[in-house]
Amino acid sequence: MKKFGLALLAGLMTANLAVASQLTSPIQNVEVSSIDSNKLSIQNHSSETVKIDIYGKELSLSPSSGVSFHCEGYSYLELLLTDLIHDYFEVQCGSQVIINESFKLENTEA
């Protein structure tokens, strides 16, 4: 019984590590971290104007700006950087997305 409890505990710890590892962005120079909030925080530290689509609502972030997005009814949100050739990535509500200084929109369609 004790071995079963240890195996169950190890399995739960692995599941928690998998959730924590999902706080990554597939887009270079975009960082995601967990925060204690019911809002999604997005900060644009780059020199680019970044357009993000969240379920049809387009947000335009000027350089050195930020926005909070209320997560009412959602546990996760899909973020689409509309000027990049990329599908989307998903973040938990209560996350902070930071578009850092090195971010460039060089992967745009011609």
C-alpha atoms as a PDB file:
ATOM      1  CA  MET A   1       0.000   0.000   0.000  1.00  0.00           C
ATOM      2  CA  LYS A   2       2.846   2.376   0.801  1.00  0.00           C
ATOM      3  CA  LYS A   3       4.421   1.721  -2.635  1.00  0.00           C
ATOM      4  CA  PHE A   4       1.088   2.497  -4.288  1.00  0.00           C
ATOM      5  CA  GLY A   5       0.865   5.803  -2.387  1.00  0.00           C
ATOM      6  CA  LEU A   6       4.400   6.752  -3.456  1.00  0.00           C
ATOM      7  CA  ALA A   7       3.642   5.848  -7.069  1.00  0.00           C
ATOM      8  CA  LEU A   8       0.465   7.928  -6.963  1.00  0.00           C
ATOM      9  CA  LEU A   9       2.344  10.865  -5.443  1.00  0.00           C
ATOM     10  CA  ALA A  10       5.052  10.618  -8.100  1.00  0.00           C
ATOM     11  CA  GLY A  11       2.375  10.545 -10.806  1.00  0.00           C
ATOM     12  CA  LEU A  12       0.690  13.644  -9.417  1.00  0.00           C
ATOM     13  CA  MET A  13       4.015  15.469  -9.196  1.00  0.00           C
ATOM     14  CA  THR A  14       4.742  14.583 -12.822  1.00  0.00           C
ATOM     15  CA  ALA A  15       1.308  15.900 -13.841  1.00  0.00           C
ATOM     16  CA  ASN A  16       1.967  19.170 -12.007  1.00  0.00           C
ATOM     17  CA  LEU A  17       5.342  19.515 -13.717  1.00  0.00           C
ATOM     18  CA  ALA A  18       3.643  18.976 -17.086  1.00  0.00           C
ATOM     19  CA  VAL A  19       1.181  21.793 -16.363  1.00  0.00           C
ATOM     20  CA  ALA A  20       4.008  24.087 -15.274  1.00  0.00           C
ATOM     21  CA  SER A  21       5.943  23.294 -18.430  1.00  0.00           C
ATOM     22  CA  GLN A  22       2.953  24.410 -20.522  1.00  0.00           C
ATOM     23  CA  LEU A  23       3.725  27.988 -19.513  1.00  0.00           C
ATOM     24  CA  THR A  24       5.963  28.384 -22.511  1.00  0.00           C
ATOM     25  CA  SER A  25       5.524  30.215 -25.754  1.00  0.00           C
ATOM     26  CA  PRO A  26       6.428  28.695 -29.115  1.00  0.00           C
ATOM     27  CA  ILE A  27       7.286  32.189 -30.340  1.00  0.00           C
ATOM     28  CA  GLN A  28      10.829  33.414 -29.915  1.00  0.00           C
ATOM     29  CA  ASN A  29      11.265  36.359 -27.493  1.00  0.00           C
ATOM     30  CA  VAL A  30       7.793  35.930 -25.974  1.00  0.00           C
ATOM     31  CA  GLU A  31       7.810  34.752 -22.349  1.00  0.00           C
ATOM     32  CA  VAL A  32       4.914  33.387 -20.294  1.00  0.00           C
ATOM     33  CA  SER A  33       4.779  33.122 -16.521  1.00  0.00           C
ATOM     34  CA  SER A  34       2.094  32.395 -13.969  1.00  0.00           C
ATOM     35  CA  ILE A  35       0.747  35.208 -11.784  1.00  0.00           C
ATOM     36  CA  ASP A  36      -1.788  35.268  -8.947  1.00  0.00           C
ATOM     37  CA  SER A  37      -4.665  36.924 -10.786  1.00  0.00           C
ATOM     38  CA  ASN A  38      -7.881  36.163 -12.653  1.00  0.00           C
ATOM     39  CA  LYS A  39      -6.684  38.309 -15.565  1.00  0.00           C
ATOM     40  CA  LEU A  40      -4.266  37.794 -18.396  1.00  0.00           C
ATOM     41  CA  SER A  41      -1.539  40.426 -18.424  1.00  0.00           C
ATOM     42  CA  ILE A  42       0.233  41.193 -21.700  1.00  0.00           C
ATOM     43  CA  GLN A  43       3.201  43.549 -21.809  1.00  0.00           C
ATOM     44  CA  ASN A  44       4.936  44.702 -24.964  1.00  0.00           C
ATOM     45  CA  HIS A  45       8.536  45.696 -24.217  1.00  0.00           C
ATOM     46  CA  SER A  46       9.531  45.616 -27.889  1.00  0.00           C
ATOM     47  CA  SER A  47       9.819  48.441 -30.402  1.00  0.00           C
ATOM     48  CA  GLU A  48       7.130  46.794 -32.581  1.00  0.00           C
ATOM     49  CA  THR A  49       3.372  47.369 -32.555  1.00  0.00           C
ATOM     50  CA  VAL A  50       1.981  43.910 -31.814  1.00  0.00           C
ATOM     51  CA  LYS A  51      -1.556  42.797 -32.702  1.00  0.00           C
ATOM     52  CA  ILE A  52      -2.988  39.914 -30.700  1.00  0.00           C
ATOM     53  CA  ASP A  53      -6.294  38.202 -31.427  1.00  0.00           C
ATOM     54  CA  ILE A  54      -8.060  36.534 -28.487  1.00  0.00           C
ATOM     55  CA  TYR A  55     -11.195  34.733 -29.718  1.00  0.00           C
ATOM     56  CA  GLY A  56     -11.983  37.449 -32.264  1.00  0.00           C
ATOM     57  CA  LYS A  57     -11.121  40.421 -30.064  1.00  0.00           C
ATOM     58  CA  GLU A  58      -8.064  42.150 -31.522  1.00  0.00           C
ATOM     59  CA  LEU A  59      -5.729  43.975 -29.175  1.00  0.00           C
ATOM     60  CA  SER A  60      -3.118  46.352 -30.567  1.00  0.00           C
ATOM     61  CA  LEU A  61      -0.178  46.933 -28.250  1.00  0.00           C
ATOM     62  CA  SER A  62       2.022  49.893 -29.063  1.00  0.00           C
ATOM     63  CA  PRO A  63       5.712  49.693 -28.163  1.00  0.00           C
ATOM     64  CA  SER A  64       6.311  49.814 -24.402  1.00  0.00           C
ATOM     65  CA  SER A  65       2.644  49.274 -23.523  1.00  0.00           C
ATOM     66  CA  GLY A  66       0.510  46.653 -21.834  1.00  0.00           C
ATOM     67  CA  VAL A  67      -3.030  45.452 -21.314  1.00  0.00           C
ATOM     68  CA  SER A  68      -5.044  43.292 -18.908  1.00  0.00           C
ATOM     69  CA  PHE A  69      -7.641  40.903 -20.319  1.00  0.00           C
ATOM     70  CA  HIS A  70     -10.476  39.614 -18.099  1.00  0.00           C
ATOM     71  CA  CYS A  71     -10.752  35.827 -18.320  1.00  0.00           C
ATOM     72  CA  GLU A  72     -14.460  35.593 -17.551  1.00  0.00           C
ATOM     73  CA  GLY A  73     -15.651  32.095 -18.449  1.00  0.00           C
ATOM     74  CA  TYR A  74     -12.242  30.826 -19.580  1.00  0.00           C
ATOM     75  CA  SER A  75      -9.530  28.743 -17.922  1.00  0.00           C
ATOM     76  CA  TYR A  76      -7.209  29.028 -20.920  1.00  0.00           C
ATOM     77  CA  LEU A  77      -6.985  31.594 -23.700  1.00  0.00           C
ATOM     78  CA  GLU A  78      -5.713  31.184 -27.251  1.00  0.00           C
ATOM     79  CA  LEU A  79      -3.448  34.033 -28.342  1.00  0.00           C
ATOM     80  CA  LEU A  80      -2.818  34.661 -32.021  1.00  0.00           C
ATOM     81  CA  LEU A  81      -0.128  37.169 -32.958  1.00  0.00           C
ATOM     82  CA  THR A  82      -1.825  38.268 -36.173  1.00  0.00           C
ATOM     83  CA  ASP A  83       1.254  39.630 -37.977  1.00  0.00           C
ATOM     84  CA  LEU A  84       3.225  36.386 -37.604  1.00  0.00           C
ATOM     85  CA  ILE A  85       3.010  33.213 -39.650  1.00  0.00           C
ATOM     86  CA  HIS A  86       1.940  31.045 -36.738  1.00  0.00           C
ATOM     87  CA  ASP A  87      -1.298  29.446 -35.653  1.00  0.00           C
ATOM     88  CA  TYR A  88      -1.703  30.315 -31.980  1.00  0.00           C
ATOM     89  CA  PHE A  89      -0.530  29.418 -28.523  1.00  0.00           C
ATOM     90  CA  GLU A  90      -2.529  28.821 -25.393  1.00  0.00           C
ATOM     91  CA  VAL A  91      -1.979  30.307 -21.937  1.00  0.00           C
ATOM     92  CA  GLN A  92      -3.720  29.866 -18.609  1.00  0.00           C
ATOM     93  CA  CYS A  93      -5.776  32.691 -17.223  1.00  0.00           C
ATOM     94  CA  GLY A  94      -3.677  34.239 -14.520  1.00  0.00           C
ATOM     95  CA  SER A  95      -0.655  34.361 -16.808  1.00  0.00           C
ATOM     96  CA  GLN A  96       1.646  37.169 -17.764  1.00  0.00           C
ATOM     97  CA  VAL A  97       2.835  37.338 -21.356  1.00  0.00           C
ATOM     98  CA  ILE A  98       5.901  39.487 -21.927  1.00  0.00           C
ATOM     99  CA  ILE A  99       6.978  40.400 -25.439  1.00  0.00           C
ATOM    100  CA  ASN A 100      10.590  41.245 -24.734  1.00  0.00           C
ATOM    101  CA  GLU A 101      12.887  43.876 -26.239  1.00  0.00           C
ATOM    102  CA  SER A 102      14.392  41.474 -28.798  1.00  0.00           C
ATOM    103  CA  PHE A 103      11.033  40.592 -30.393  1.00  0.00           C
ATOM    104  CA  LYS A 104      10.807  41.348 -34.131  1.00  0.00           C
ATOM    105  CA  LEU A 105       7.996  40.835 -36.645  1.00  0.00           C
ATOM    106  CA  GLU A 106      10.404  39.429 -39.212  1.00  0.00           C
ATOM    107  CA  ASN A 107       8.275  36.348 -39.896  1.00  0.00           C
ATOM    108  CA  THR A 108       5.464  38.317 -41.546  1.00  0.00           C
ATOM    109  CA  GLU A 109       3.905  37.422 -44.874  1.00  0.00           C
ATOM    110  CA  ALA A 110       4.956  39.503 -47.860  1.00  0.00           C
END
